[in-house]
Structure formats: structure tokens, C-alpha cells
N, C-alpha and C. Protein backbone atom coordinates (compact mmCIF):
# COMPACT_ATOMS: atom_id res chain seq x y z
N MET A 1 58.24 -49.39 50.69
CA MET A 1 57.39 -49.17 49.53
C MET A 1 58.16 -49.51 48.30
N ASN A 2 57.45 -50.20 47.37
CA ASN A 2 58.17 -50.69 46.17
C ASN A 2 58.49 -49.59 45.18
N ALA A 3 59.59 -49.77 44.43
CA ALA A 3 60.06 -48.70 43.56
C ALA A 3 59.01 -48.62 42.45
N PRO A 4 58.90 -47.48 41.87
CA PRO A 4 58.13 -47.28 40.69
C PRO A 4 58.47 -48.29 39.44
N ARG A 5 57.58 -48.77 38.83
CA ARG A 5 57.86 -49.75 37.70
C ARG A 5 58.02 -48.94 36.42
N ARG A 6 59.09 -49.25 35.67
CA ARG A 6 59.49 -48.53 34.48
C ARG A 6 58.64 -49.04 33.33
N ILE A 7 58.08 -48.01 32.54
CA ILE A 7 57.44 -48.37 31.27
C ILE A 7 57.89 -47.54 30.16
N ALA A 8 57.92 -48.01 28.97
CA ALA A 8 58.44 -47.16 27.87
C ALA A 8 57.55 -46.17 27.25
N PRO A 9 56.16 -46.53 27.12
CA PRO A 9 55.23 -45.48 26.55
C PRO A 9 55.09 -44.28 27.51
N ALA A 10 54.87 -43.12 26.94
CA ALA A 10 54.48 -41.88 27.74
C ALA A 10 53.06 -42.11 28.15
N VAL A 11 52.76 -41.42 29.25
CA VAL A 11 51.40 -41.53 29.86
C VAL A 11 50.80 -40.18 29.88
N VAL A 12 49.52 -40.03 29.34
CA VAL A 12 48.83 -38.87 29.37
C VAL A 12 47.81 -38.88 30.38
N VAL A 13 47.78 -37.77 31.24
CA VAL A 13 46.72 -37.72 32.38
C VAL A 13 46.23 -36.28 32.21
N GLU A 14 45.14 -36.04 33.06
CA GLU A 14 44.49 -34.79 32.98
C GLU A 14 45.14 -33.64 33.80
N GLY A 15 45.61 -33.84 35.00
CA GLY A 15 46.11 -32.77 35.87
C GLY A 15 47.34 -33.11 36.47
N LYS A 16 47.99 -32.07 37.13
CA LYS A 16 49.26 -32.23 37.78
C LYS A 16 49.20 -33.12 39.00
N TYR A 17 48.10 -33.19 39.65
CA TYR A 17 47.95 -33.99 40.85
C TYR A 17 47.86 -35.54 40.41
N ASP A 18 47.31 -35.76 39.27
CA ASP A 18 47.29 -37.09 38.67
C ASP A 18 48.71 -37.53 38.34
N LYS A 19 49.45 -36.58 37.82
CA LYS A 19 50.89 -36.89 37.47
C LYS A 19 51.71 -37.19 38.78
N ILE A 20 51.49 -36.37 39.80
CA ILE A 20 52.20 -36.67 41.10
C ILE A 20 51.85 -37.99 41.67
N ARG A 21 50.53 -38.33 41.58
CA ARG A 21 50.12 -39.62 42.06
C ARG A 21 50.63 -40.74 41.30
N LEU A 22 50.66 -40.66 40.02
CA LEU A 22 51.15 -41.68 39.15
C LEU A 22 52.67 -41.88 39.28
N GLN A 23 53.37 -40.80 39.67
CA GLN A 23 54.91 -41.00 39.72
C GLN A 23 55.27 -41.93 40.91
N SER A 24 54.34 -42.22 41.87
CA SER A 24 54.72 -43.11 42.90
C SER A 24 54.54 -44.56 42.52
N VAL A 25 53.94 -44.69 41.34
CA VAL A 25 53.55 -46.10 40.78
C VAL A 25 54.48 -46.50 39.62
N ILE A 26 54.63 -45.55 38.68
CA ILE A 26 55.46 -45.88 37.51
C ILE A 26 56.55 -44.89 37.28
N ASP A 27 57.56 -45.30 36.58
CA ASP A 27 58.76 -44.47 36.10
C ASP A 27 58.39 -44.25 34.62
N ALA A 28 57.98 -43.14 34.18
CA ALA A 28 57.66 -42.91 32.76
C ALA A 28 57.54 -41.51 32.55
N VAL A 29 57.61 -41.09 31.25
CA VAL A 29 57.26 -39.71 30.87
C VAL A 29 55.79 -39.53 31.00
N ILE A 30 55.38 -38.51 31.82
CA ILE A 30 53.89 -38.25 32.03
C ILE A 30 53.55 -36.83 31.51
N ILE A 31 52.62 -36.87 30.66
CA ILE A 31 52.15 -35.63 30.02
C ILE A 31 50.88 -35.20 30.56
N VAL A 32 50.70 -33.91 30.96
CA VAL A 32 49.44 -33.46 31.51
C VAL A 32 48.61 -32.59 30.53
N THR A 33 47.38 -32.89 30.35
CA THR A 33 46.55 -32.15 29.36
C THR A 33 46.00 -30.82 29.99
N ASN A 34 46.09 -30.76 31.29
CA ASN A 34 45.44 -29.56 32.03
C ASN A 34 43.98 -29.55 31.60
N GLY A 35 43.27 -30.67 31.75
CA GLY A 35 41.86 -30.81 31.44
C GLY A 35 41.67 -30.44 29.99
N PHE A 36 40.58 -29.53 29.82
CA PHE A 36 40.13 -29.26 28.48
C PHE A 36 41.10 -28.24 27.73
N GLN A 37 42.15 -27.78 28.48
CA GLN A 37 43.09 -26.82 27.91
C GLN A 37 43.69 -27.41 26.66
N ILE A 38 43.81 -28.87 26.60
CA ILE A 38 44.48 -29.54 25.49
C ILE A 38 43.85 -29.20 24.22
N TYR A 39 42.54 -28.77 24.24
CA TYR A 39 41.80 -28.47 22.98
C TYR A 39 42.48 -27.28 22.35
N HIS A 40 43.15 -26.40 23.07
CA HIS A 40 43.71 -25.08 22.56
C HIS A 40 45.28 -25.07 22.64
N ASN A 41 45.81 -26.17 23.15
CA ASN A 41 47.30 -26.15 23.26
C ASN A 41 47.96 -27.02 22.18
N SER A 42 48.24 -26.40 21.08
CA SER A 42 48.79 -27.07 19.91
C SER A 42 50.19 -27.69 20.25
N LYS A 43 50.95 -27.01 21.01
CA LYS A 43 52.36 -27.57 21.34
C LYS A 43 52.18 -28.80 22.18
N GLN A 44 51.34 -28.81 23.17
CA GLN A 44 51.15 -30.03 24.01
C GLN A 44 50.69 -31.18 23.18
N LEU A 45 49.66 -30.90 22.27
CA LEU A 45 49.08 -31.99 21.42
C LEU A 45 50.21 -32.48 20.44
N ALA A 46 51.02 -31.65 20.01
CA ALA A 46 52.11 -32.08 19.09
C ALA A 46 53.05 -33.09 19.81
N LEU A 47 53.32 -32.72 21.12
CA LEU A 47 54.17 -33.61 21.90
C LEU A 47 53.51 -34.96 22.12
N ILE A 48 52.16 -34.92 22.42
CA ILE A 48 51.53 -36.21 22.53
C ILE A 48 51.60 -36.97 21.16
N ARG A 49 51.43 -36.35 20.14
CA ARG A 49 51.49 -37.05 18.74
C ARG A 49 52.82 -37.56 18.55
N HIS A 50 53.88 -36.82 18.98
CA HIS A 50 55.20 -37.38 18.75
C HIS A 50 55.41 -38.72 19.61
N TYR A 51 55.09 -38.70 20.79
CA TYR A 51 55.22 -39.93 21.62
C TYR A 51 54.30 -41.09 21.06
N ALA A 52 53.10 -40.71 20.55
CA ALA A 52 52.21 -41.75 20.06
C ALA A 52 52.80 -42.42 18.80
N GLN A 53 53.69 -41.77 18.05
CA GLN A 53 54.33 -42.38 16.91
C GLN A 53 55.71 -42.83 17.18
N THR A 54 56.19 -42.74 18.40
CA THR A 54 57.58 -43.23 18.67
C THR A 54 57.44 -44.34 19.75
N THR A 55 57.44 -43.92 21.01
CA THR A 55 57.34 -44.79 22.11
C THR A 55 55.98 -45.43 22.28
N GLY A 56 55.00 -44.72 21.76
CA GLY A 56 53.61 -45.07 22.08
C GLY A 56 53.09 -44.26 23.26
N ILE A 57 51.79 -44.15 23.45
CA ILE A 57 51.24 -43.43 24.61
C ILE A 57 50.17 -44.23 25.34
N ILE A 58 50.11 -44.01 26.59
CA ILE A 58 48.89 -44.51 27.40
C ILE A 58 48.03 -43.44 27.75
N ILE A 59 46.84 -43.56 27.53
CA ILE A 59 45.79 -42.45 27.92
C ILE A 59 45.10 -42.95 29.11
N LEU A 60 45.28 -42.15 30.31
CA LEU A 60 44.82 -42.51 31.60
C LEU A 60 44.03 -41.45 32.14
N THR A 61 42.69 -41.24 31.84
CA THR A 61 41.88 -40.18 32.29
C THR A 61 41.00 -40.59 33.40
N ASP A 62 40.24 -39.57 34.01
CA ASP A 62 39.34 -39.99 35.08
C ASP A 62 38.18 -40.75 34.57
N ALA A 63 37.40 -41.36 35.43
CA ALA A 63 36.29 -42.20 35.12
C ALA A 63 34.93 -41.43 34.81
N ASP A 64 34.99 -40.15 34.95
CA ASP A 64 33.76 -39.32 34.86
C ASP A 64 33.61 -38.93 33.37
N ALA A 65 32.55 -38.24 32.95
CA ALA A 65 32.12 -37.80 31.62
C ALA A 65 33.22 -36.95 31.07
N ALA A 66 33.84 -35.97 31.81
CA ALA A 66 34.81 -35.11 31.38
C ALA A 66 36.11 -35.90 30.92
N GLY A 67 36.43 -36.90 31.77
CA GLY A 67 37.56 -37.74 31.39
C GLY A 67 37.40 -38.49 30.09
N PHE A 68 36.18 -38.98 29.85
CA PHE A 68 35.89 -39.70 28.56
C PHE A 68 35.91 -38.75 27.39
N GLN A 69 35.44 -37.52 27.66
CA GLN A 69 35.44 -36.41 26.59
C GLN A 69 36.86 -36.12 26.21
N ILE A 70 37.69 -36.00 27.10
CA ILE A 70 39.14 -35.70 26.80
C ILE A 70 39.75 -36.93 26.10
N ARG A 71 39.47 -38.08 26.58
CA ARG A 71 39.93 -39.32 25.98
C ARG A 71 39.53 -39.40 24.42
N GLY A 72 38.28 -39.11 24.24
CA GLY A 72 37.74 -39.10 22.92
C GLY A 72 38.27 -38.20 22.02
N TYR A 73 38.63 -36.97 22.55
CA TYR A 73 39.18 -35.86 21.80
C TYR A 73 40.70 -36.27 21.33
N LEU A 74 41.38 -36.78 22.28
CA LEU A 74 42.81 -37.32 21.95
C LEU A 74 42.79 -38.47 20.93
N LYS A 75 41.89 -39.37 21.08
CA LYS A 75 41.69 -40.47 20.11
C LYS A 75 41.52 -39.94 18.77
N GLY A 76 40.68 -38.98 18.62
CA GLY A 76 40.34 -38.44 17.25
C GLY A 76 41.49 -37.52 16.70
N ALA A 77 42.31 -36.92 17.67
CA ALA A 77 43.30 -36.08 17.24
C ALA A 77 44.67 -36.70 16.84
N LEU A 78 44.81 -37.94 17.10
CA LEU A 78 45.98 -38.77 16.81
C LEU A 78 45.94 -39.31 15.46
N PRO A 79 47.11 -39.53 14.82
CA PRO A 79 47.14 -40.07 13.47
C PRO A 79 46.83 -41.55 13.47
N PRO A 80 46.36 -42.10 12.31
CA PRO A 80 45.98 -43.49 12.26
C PRO A 80 47.05 -44.56 12.75
N ASP A 81 48.37 -44.20 12.47
CA ASP A 81 49.41 -45.06 12.83
C ASP A 81 49.86 -44.99 14.35
N ALA A 82 49.17 -44.10 15.11
CA ALA A 82 49.54 -43.93 16.52
C ALA A 82 49.43 -45.14 17.30
N LYS A 83 50.33 -45.27 18.21
CA LYS A 83 50.41 -46.39 19.10
C LYS A 83 49.71 -46.02 20.45
N VAL A 84 48.48 -46.37 20.70
CA VAL A 84 47.73 -45.93 21.76
C VAL A 84 47.23 -47.08 22.55
N CYS A 85 47.39 -46.98 23.89
CA CYS A 85 46.79 -47.98 24.81
C CYS A 85 45.90 -47.26 25.89
N HIS A 86 44.67 -47.62 25.87
CA HIS A 86 43.73 -47.02 26.85
C HIS A 86 43.72 -47.79 28.12
N VAL A 87 43.97 -47.08 29.17
CA VAL A 87 43.89 -47.63 30.54
C VAL A 87 42.71 -47.01 31.36
N TYR A 88 41.88 -47.80 31.99
CA TYR A 88 40.68 -47.28 32.61
C TYR A 88 40.80 -47.56 34.09
N ILE A 89 40.47 -46.50 34.89
CA ILE A 89 40.36 -46.75 36.30
C ILE A 89 38.87 -47.00 36.69
N PRO A 90 38.53 -47.71 37.76
CA PRO A 90 37.21 -48.07 38.12
C PRO A 90 36.48 -46.80 38.54
N GLY A 91 35.09 -46.86 38.37
CA GLY A 91 34.35 -45.76 38.99
C GLY A 91 34.06 -45.95 40.40
N ILE A 92 34.87 -45.33 41.25
CA ILE A 92 34.78 -45.49 42.71
C ILE A 92 34.26 -44.14 43.26
N HIS A 93 33.23 -44.19 44.09
CA HIS A 93 32.64 -43.12 44.65
C HIS A 93 33.53 -42.62 45.91
N GLY A 94 33.84 -41.27 45.85
CA GLY A 94 34.55 -40.69 46.92
C GLY A 94 35.08 -39.27 46.63
N LYS A 95 35.87 -38.68 47.45
CA LYS A 95 36.39 -37.34 47.29
C LYS A 95 37.89 -37.28 47.54
N GLU A 96 38.54 -36.61 46.74
CA GLU A 96 40.03 -36.47 46.94
C GLU A 96 40.24 -35.64 48.22
N ARG A 97 41.27 -36.05 48.87
CA ARG A 97 41.60 -35.29 50.20
C ARG A 97 41.79 -33.86 50.03
N ARG A 98 42.40 -33.41 48.97
CA ARG A 98 42.77 -32.01 48.80
C ARG A 98 41.61 -31.15 48.45
N LYS A 99 40.44 -31.74 47.96
CA LYS A 99 39.43 -31.01 47.49
C LYS A 99 38.27 -30.83 48.60
N PRO A 100 37.66 -29.67 48.74
CA PRO A 100 36.74 -29.42 49.91
C PRO A 100 35.37 -30.06 49.58
N VAL A 101 35.09 -30.31 48.33
CA VAL A 101 33.70 -30.80 47.94
C VAL A 101 33.90 -32.02 46.98
N TYR A 102 32.87 -32.83 46.85
CA TYR A 102 32.82 -33.88 45.84
C TYR A 102 32.79 -33.33 44.50
N SER A 103 33.24 -34.14 43.52
CA SER A 103 33.10 -33.76 42.06
C SER A 103 31.64 -33.90 41.69
N ALA A 104 31.29 -33.42 40.58
CA ALA A 104 29.85 -33.49 40.12
C ALA A 104 29.28 -34.81 40.03
N GLU A 105 30.15 -35.81 39.71
CA GLU A 105 29.75 -37.23 39.62
C GLU A 105 30.01 -37.96 40.82
N ARG A 106 30.76 -37.31 41.86
CA ARG A 106 31.13 -37.95 43.07
C ARG A 106 32.04 -39.19 42.83
N LEU A 107 32.90 -39.08 41.79
CA LEU A 107 33.74 -40.24 41.54
C LEU A 107 35.18 -39.74 41.80
N LEU A 108 35.99 -40.65 42.27
CA LEU A 108 37.47 -40.43 42.50
C LEU A 108 38.13 -40.41 41.15
N GLY A 109 39.07 -39.47 40.95
CA GLY A 109 39.86 -39.35 39.80
C GLY A 109 41.22 -40.18 39.97
N VAL A 110 42.04 -40.03 38.92
CA VAL A 110 43.34 -40.76 39.01
C VAL A 110 44.07 -40.44 40.33
N GLU A 111 44.06 -39.26 40.70
CA GLU A 111 44.69 -38.78 41.95
C GLU A 111 44.19 -39.50 43.23
N GLY A 112 42.95 -39.91 43.12
CA GLY A 112 42.34 -40.52 44.29
C GLY A 112 42.51 -41.97 44.37
N MET A 113 43.12 -42.73 43.41
CA MET A 113 43.29 -44.08 43.40
C MET A 113 44.43 -44.48 44.22
N ASP A 114 44.27 -45.63 44.91
CA ASP A 114 45.38 -46.13 45.70
C ASP A 114 46.42 -46.90 44.68
N ASN A 115 47.54 -47.26 45.23
CA ASN A 115 48.62 -47.89 44.35
C ASN A 115 48.13 -49.22 43.77
N ALA A 116 47.44 -50.01 44.61
CA ALA A 116 47.07 -51.39 44.04
C ALA A 116 46.00 -51.15 42.98
N THR A 117 45.11 -50.23 43.10
CA THR A 117 44.05 -50.04 42.07
C THR A 117 44.74 -49.48 40.75
N LEU A 118 45.71 -48.59 40.89
CA LEU A 118 46.44 -48.10 39.68
C LEU A 118 47.21 -49.18 38.95
N LEU A 119 47.91 -49.91 39.81
CA LEU A 119 48.69 -50.99 39.21
C LEU A 119 47.82 -52.04 38.55
N ALA A 120 46.75 -52.39 39.14
CA ALA A 120 45.78 -53.40 38.57
C ALA A 120 45.23 -52.86 37.22
N ALA A 121 44.93 -51.58 37.15
CA ALA A 121 44.46 -51.02 35.89
C ALA A 121 45.54 -51.13 34.81
N LEU A 122 46.76 -50.75 35.18
CA LEU A 122 47.93 -50.80 34.20
C LEU A 122 48.17 -52.26 33.81
N GLU A 123 48.17 -53.10 34.78
CA GLU A 123 48.49 -54.54 34.48
C GLU A 123 47.42 -55.14 33.57
N ARG A 124 46.14 -54.75 33.84
CA ARG A 124 45.02 -55.28 33.04
C ARG A 124 45.13 -54.89 31.61
N ALA A 125 45.73 -53.69 31.32
CA ALA A 125 45.96 -53.31 29.96
C ALA A 125 47.21 -53.90 29.30
N GLY A 126 48.06 -54.51 30.09
CA GLY A 126 49.23 -55.16 29.57
C GLY A 126 50.35 -54.22 29.42
N VAL A 127 50.41 -53.04 30.09
CA VAL A 127 51.45 -52.09 29.83
C VAL A 127 52.85 -52.49 30.32
N PHE A 128 52.88 -53.47 31.21
CA PHE A 128 54.19 -53.87 31.76
C PHE A 128 54.78 -55.05 30.95
N GLU A 129 54.01 -55.54 29.98
CA GLU A 129 54.59 -56.59 29.23
C GLU A 129 55.42 -56.09 28.06
N GLU A 130 56.60 -56.79 27.90
CA GLU A 130 57.47 -56.40 26.78
C GLU A 130 56.84 -56.45 25.39
N GLN A 131 55.96 -57.40 25.31
CA GLN A 131 55.21 -57.55 24.06
C GLN A 131 53.78 -58.02 24.37
N LEU A 132 52.82 -57.29 23.80
CA LEU A 132 51.48 -57.53 24.21
C LEU A 132 51.05 -58.93 23.49
N PRO A 133 50.18 -59.69 24.03
CA PRO A 133 49.69 -60.88 23.48
C PRO A 133 49.07 -60.55 22.02
N ASP A 134 49.41 -61.44 21.15
CA ASP A 134 48.90 -61.32 19.79
C ASP A 134 47.39 -61.87 19.66
N ARG A 135 46.41 -61.06 19.93
CA ARG A 135 45.04 -61.45 20.02
C ARG A 135 44.33 -60.87 18.84
N PRO A 136 43.43 -61.69 18.26
CA PRO A 136 42.67 -61.14 17.10
C PRO A 136 41.70 -60.05 17.56
N ASN A 137 41.54 -59.04 16.89
CA ASN A 137 40.61 -57.88 17.19
C ASN A 137 39.16 -58.25 16.78
N ASP A 138 38.65 -59.27 17.33
CA ASP A 138 37.40 -59.77 16.79
C ASP A 138 36.21 -59.78 17.78
N ILE A 139 36.26 -59.02 18.83
CA ILE A 139 35.13 -58.75 19.70
C ILE A 139 34.35 -57.52 19.29
N THR A 140 33.12 -57.63 18.80
CA THR A 140 32.43 -56.53 18.16
C THR A 140 31.16 -56.36 18.98
N PRO A 141 30.47 -55.14 18.74
CA PRO A 141 29.15 -54.91 19.30
C PRO A 141 28.24 -56.00 18.93
N ALA A 142 28.27 -56.52 17.65
CA ALA A 142 27.44 -57.66 17.30
C ALA A 142 27.52 -58.79 18.10
N LEU A 143 28.86 -59.10 18.48
CA LEU A 143 29.04 -60.30 19.40
C LEU A 143 28.51 -60.03 20.79
N LEU A 144 28.70 -58.85 21.22
CA LEU A 144 28.18 -58.52 22.62
C LEU A 144 26.61 -58.67 22.57
N TYR A 145 25.91 -58.34 21.46
CA TYR A 145 24.57 -58.51 21.41
C TYR A 145 24.20 -59.98 21.57
N GLU A 146 25.00 -60.87 21.04
CA GLU A 146 24.66 -62.30 21.18
C GLU A 146 24.67 -62.79 22.61
N PHE A 147 25.41 -62.08 23.45
CA PHE A 147 25.52 -62.32 24.95
C PHE A 147 24.66 -61.41 25.80
N GLY A 148 23.74 -60.74 25.06
CA GLY A 148 22.79 -59.86 25.84
C GLY A 148 23.33 -58.70 26.42
N LEU A 149 24.56 -58.19 25.93
CA LEU A 149 25.21 -57.04 26.43
C LEU A 149 24.88 -55.71 25.71
N THR A 150 24.17 -55.83 24.60
CA THR A 150 23.64 -54.75 23.91
C THR A 150 22.32 -55.12 23.38
N GLY A 151 21.40 -54.14 23.05
CA GLY A 151 20.24 -54.40 22.25
C GLY A 151 19.16 -55.24 22.86
N THR A 152 19.26 -55.51 24.18
CA THR A 152 18.29 -56.38 24.81
C THR A 152 17.67 -55.58 26.02
N PRO A 153 16.47 -56.03 26.48
CA PRO A 153 15.86 -55.21 27.54
C PRO A 153 16.69 -55.10 28.83
N ASP A 154 17.42 -56.11 29.17
CA ASP A 154 18.34 -55.97 30.36
C ASP A 154 19.81 -55.80 30.06
N CYS A 155 20.08 -55.29 28.87
CA CYS A 155 21.60 -55.14 28.48
C CYS A 155 22.29 -54.15 29.29
N THR A 156 21.67 -53.13 29.72
CA THR A 156 22.31 -52.04 30.58
C THR A 156 22.71 -52.65 31.90
N VAL A 157 21.78 -53.40 32.57
CA VAL A 157 22.07 -54.08 33.79
C VAL A 157 23.27 -55.06 33.66
N ARG A 158 23.16 -55.87 32.65
CA ARG A 158 24.25 -56.84 32.32
C ARG A 158 25.61 -56.14 32.01
N ARG A 159 25.56 -55.14 31.31
CA ARG A 159 26.77 -54.47 30.98
C ARG A 159 27.34 -53.81 32.17
N ARG A 160 26.60 -53.15 32.94
CA ARG A 160 27.03 -52.54 34.21
C ARG A 160 27.58 -53.56 35.18
N ALA A 161 27.01 -54.68 35.21
CA ALA A 161 27.51 -55.78 36.05
C ALA A 161 28.95 -56.17 35.64
N LEU A 162 29.10 -56.27 34.34
CA LEU A 162 30.38 -56.63 33.73
C LEU A 162 31.42 -55.58 33.99
N LEU A 163 31.02 -54.33 33.79
CA LEU A 163 32.00 -53.24 34.01
C LEU A 163 32.45 -53.20 35.44
N ASP A 164 31.57 -53.43 36.32
CA ASP A 164 31.81 -53.54 37.82
C ASP A 164 32.78 -54.67 38.02
N ALA A 165 32.50 -55.79 37.53
CA ALA A 165 33.34 -57.00 37.72
C ALA A 165 34.77 -56.84 37.19
N MET A 166 34.84 -56.10 35.95
CA MET A 166 36.09 -55.88 35.35
C MET A 166 36.84 -54.62 35.95
N GLN A 167 36.18 -53.98 36.97
CA GLN A 167 36.74 -52.80 37.55
C GLN A 167 37.05 -51.72 36.41
N LEU A 168 35.96 -51.40 35.66
CA LEU A 168 35.93 -50.45 34.62
C LEU A 168 34.98 -49.37 34.91
N PRO A 169 35.19 -48.16 34.44
CA PRO A 169 34.26 -47.03 34.76
C PRO A 169 32.81 -47.25 34.22
N PRO A 170 31.81 -46.79 34.72
CA PRO A 170 30.40 -46.95 34.19
C PRO A 170 30.15 -46.19 32.98
N HIS A 171 31.03 -45.21 32.60
CA HIS A 171 30.85 -44.42 31.39
C HIS A 171 31.35 -45.19 30.12
N LEU A 172 32.05 -46.24 30.33
CA LEU A 172 32.68 -46.88 29.16
C LEU A 172 31.68 -47.27 28.08
N SER A 173 31.87 -46.92 26.90
CA SER A 173 30.89 -47.20 25.84
C SER A 173 30.98 -48.63 25.35
N VAL A 174 30.07 -49.00 24.55
CA VAL A 174 30.08 -50.36 24.04
C VAL A 174 31.34 -50.67 23.15
N SER A 175 31.76 -49.65 22.37
CA SER A 175 32.96 -49.79 21.59
C SER A 175 34.25 -49.87 22.47
N GLY A 176 34.17 -48.97 23.48
CA GLY A 176 35.31 -49.04 24.40
C GLY A 176 35.41 -50.32 25.15
N LEU A 177 34.25 -50.92 25.53
CA LEU A 177 34.23 -52.32 26.24
C LEU A 177 34.76 -53.31 25.18
N CYS A 178 34.45 -53.19 23.96
CA CYS A 178 34.96 -54.19 22.99
C CYS A 178 36.50 -53.99 22.97
N GLU A 179 37.04 -52.79 22.94
CA GLU A 179 38.45 -52.62 22.81
C GLU A 179 39.14 -53.18 24.12
N VAL A 180 38.59 -53.05 25.22
CA VAL A 180 39.17 -53.63 26.42
C VAL A 180 39.21 -55.13 26.34
N LEU A 181 38.02 -55.71 26.01
CA LEU A 181 37.82 -57.25 25.95
C LEU A 181 38.86 -57.79 24.96
N CYS A 182 39.16 -57.01 23.87
CA CYS A 182 40.08 -57.60 22.89
C CYS A 182 41.51 -57.72 23.49
N THR A 183 41.81 -56.87 24.50
CA THR A 183 43.09 -57.02 25.11
C THR A 183 43.23 -58.13 26.14
N LEU A 184 41.97 -58.68 26.45
CA LEU A 184 41.97 -59.78 27.60
C LEU A 184 41.55 -61.10 26.94
N THR A 185 40.83 -61.22 25.92
CA THR A 185 40.32 -62.48 25.41
C THR A 185 40.04 -62.27 23.93
N CYS A 186 39.46 -63.21 23.34
CA CYS A 186 39.07 -63.22 21.92
C CYS A 186 37.63 -63.83 21.79
N ALA A 187 37.12 -63.73 20.63
CA ALA A 187 35.65 -64.12 20.34
C ALA A 187 35.49 -65.50 20.79
N ASP A 188 36.37 -66.52 20.41
CA ASP A 188 36.21 -67.82 20.67
C ASP A 188 36.18 -68.15 22.25
N GLU A 189 36.73 -67.29 22.93
CA GLU A 189 36.99 -67.51 24.45
C GLU A 189 36.08 -66.58 25.31
N LEU A 190 35.30 -65.72 24.51
CA LEU A 190 34.52 -64.72 25.31
C LEU A 190 33.48 -65.30 26.25
N GLU A 191 32.86 -66.48 25.79
CA GLU A 191 31.90 -67.06 26.67
C GLU A 191 32.48 -67.57 27.96
N ASP A 192 33.58 -68.11 27.94
CA ASP A 192 34.28 -68.57 29.11
C ASP A 192 34.75 -67.41 29.95
N TYR A 193 35.17 -66.38 29.30
CA TYR A 193 35.56 -65.15 30.12
C TYR A 193 34.43 -64.60 30.88
N LEU A 194 33.26 -64.48 30.15
CA LEU A 194 32.08 -63.95 30.80
C LEU A 194 31.61 -64.82 31.90
N ALA A 195 31.74 -66.14 31.75
CA ALA A 195 31.30 -67.04 32.73
C ALA A 195 32.20 -66.90 33.99
N GLN A 196 33.53 -66.60 33.74
CA GLN A 196 34.46 -66.37 34.89
C GLN A 196 34.19 -65.07 35.66
N MET A 197 33.78 -64.01 34.85
CA MET A 197 33.57 -62.73 35.45
C MET A 197 32.18 -62.61 36.11
N LEU A 198 31.19 -63.28 35.47
CA LEU A 198 29.78 -63.20 35.89
C LEU A 198 29.15 -64.56 35.97
N PRO A 199 29.60 -65.38 36.85
CA PRO A 199 29.08 -66.79 36.92
C PRO A 199 27.59 -66.86 37.11
N ASP A 200 26.98 -65.90 37.74
CA ASP A 200 25.49 -65.92 37.94
C ASP A 200 24.79 -65.79 36.70
N LEU A 201 25.38 -65.02 35.76
CA LEU A 201 24.70 -64.66 34.48
C LEU A 201 25.11 -65.59 33.38
N TYR A 202 26.37 -66.03 33.30
CA TYR A 202 26.87 -66.82 32.24
C TYR A 202 27.56 -68.13 32.59
N GLY A 203 27.54 -68.49 33.91
CA GLY A 203 28.17 -69.72 34.26
C GLY A 203 27.22 -70.90 34.04
N GLU A 204 27.68 -72.08 34.35
CA GLU A 204 26.86 -73.32 34.21
C GLU A 204 25.54 -73.14 34.96
N GLY A 205 24.44 -73.47 34.41
CA GLY A 205 23.29 -73.43 35.10
C GLY A 205 22.59 -72.09 35.23
N ALA A 206 23.32 -71.02 34.73
CA ALA A 206 22.76 -69.64 34.84
C ALA A 206 21.47 -69.51 33.98
N ALA A 207 21.41 -70.19 32.84
CA ALA A 207 20.27 -70.06 31.93
C ALA A 207 19.01 -70.75 32.62
N GLU A 208 19.23 -71.81 33.43
CA GLU A 208 18.13 -72.56 34.03
C GLU A 208 17.57 -71.77 35.22
N SER A 209 18.46 -70.94 35.92
CA SER A 209 18.08 -70.44 37.21
C SER A 209 17.20 -69.20 37.05
């Protein structure tokens, strides 16, 4: 088995089993929110803020609605100068081995991801790079509208297809999708990127088919 890969930023996860799972993949400071308890734990939030302003933090929550709620809370609770990287696991249906029943949304959490999936999510966000690519932050909801990903009759179907192709969770918002796309491409190259991810919708000849 490969040794865990070292990263400098601290990683924020929801539960202790997420932390245990992640420790087999990365060597890093891992902070647990204990689910919604972070709302009432000022000391833990202060620790997260400290890392966000020093080493930076990676927020890695589950792909369900609760995970996105915690992610949104942390995003709003951090100062403007915080160094935050959002990492998303795909929405994979299943049940963790230790749990007797499925979760409400029947989605695997961080603890249920295999090594390859976790590494792919981290690599996609660029957390292993010493310096992230200097990309303009120019992919906006307005630009997604031009490509039929918002505000059109079939935008939900198109957006879901893109999220599936990018191995991102189905709950990801339009603004969240913009944030992820900005780490992978830029406005001038978005059409080529979409054609690569969804050739049936954006590749050559897609408009005529």
C-alpha cells in the first residue's frame, strides 16, 4: 500500500470515521467538526480559523445535504482572507460497512470512499501541487447560462450530466460549480472543457444531432 501523501493545509471533515479513513490517504492535520456540533463549538471553530489564516484549510464534507450545510456554515464563518480549498467527493449510492442502515439520501460519505476516489477528488482540487495554477476567476453563472447550464428548460439535466462526468456531488450549487470550474479551466477554454467532459452535448456535431 502506498504511503499517505503529505499536504500542508489542514483538512476539515465531519466525523471521526472520516478522519480515520482519510489518514490512510494523506498525512495532514485533520480537524473533525462532529457534524452540526461545530455550530456550538467556539474553540473548534477558532482552531479552524487559525489554520485557515496560516497553512490554509481544505473542507471535505459528505455529498449529502447535511454536508453542504456544514460546508456553507464554515464558509460563512471564516474571515475574508482565509485560505480555503473546497474538495468534493462524488455522490455515490451505498452504505458504509459499520452502519446498519442507509443514510437518508443513500449516499456514501467520506468514510465510504475508496482510496482512488479520495485521491482523485484531492488531485482534482490541486491540493498536492506546491503552487496552484494562476487561473483567472472568470467563470460565472452568466457564462454557464450561455452554455445552457442555467436558466434553460434542460439546464438541470445538463448540469447533472456535467456533475456526474466531473465526479462531483449532485447537491453542488451553480456558484459551487463555478468555483470548481475556475480551478480546472477558464472562460476562454470552458467550451473545450465541456466538449471534453460531455462530447454528446458540446462536442463537434452535437448541435446538429
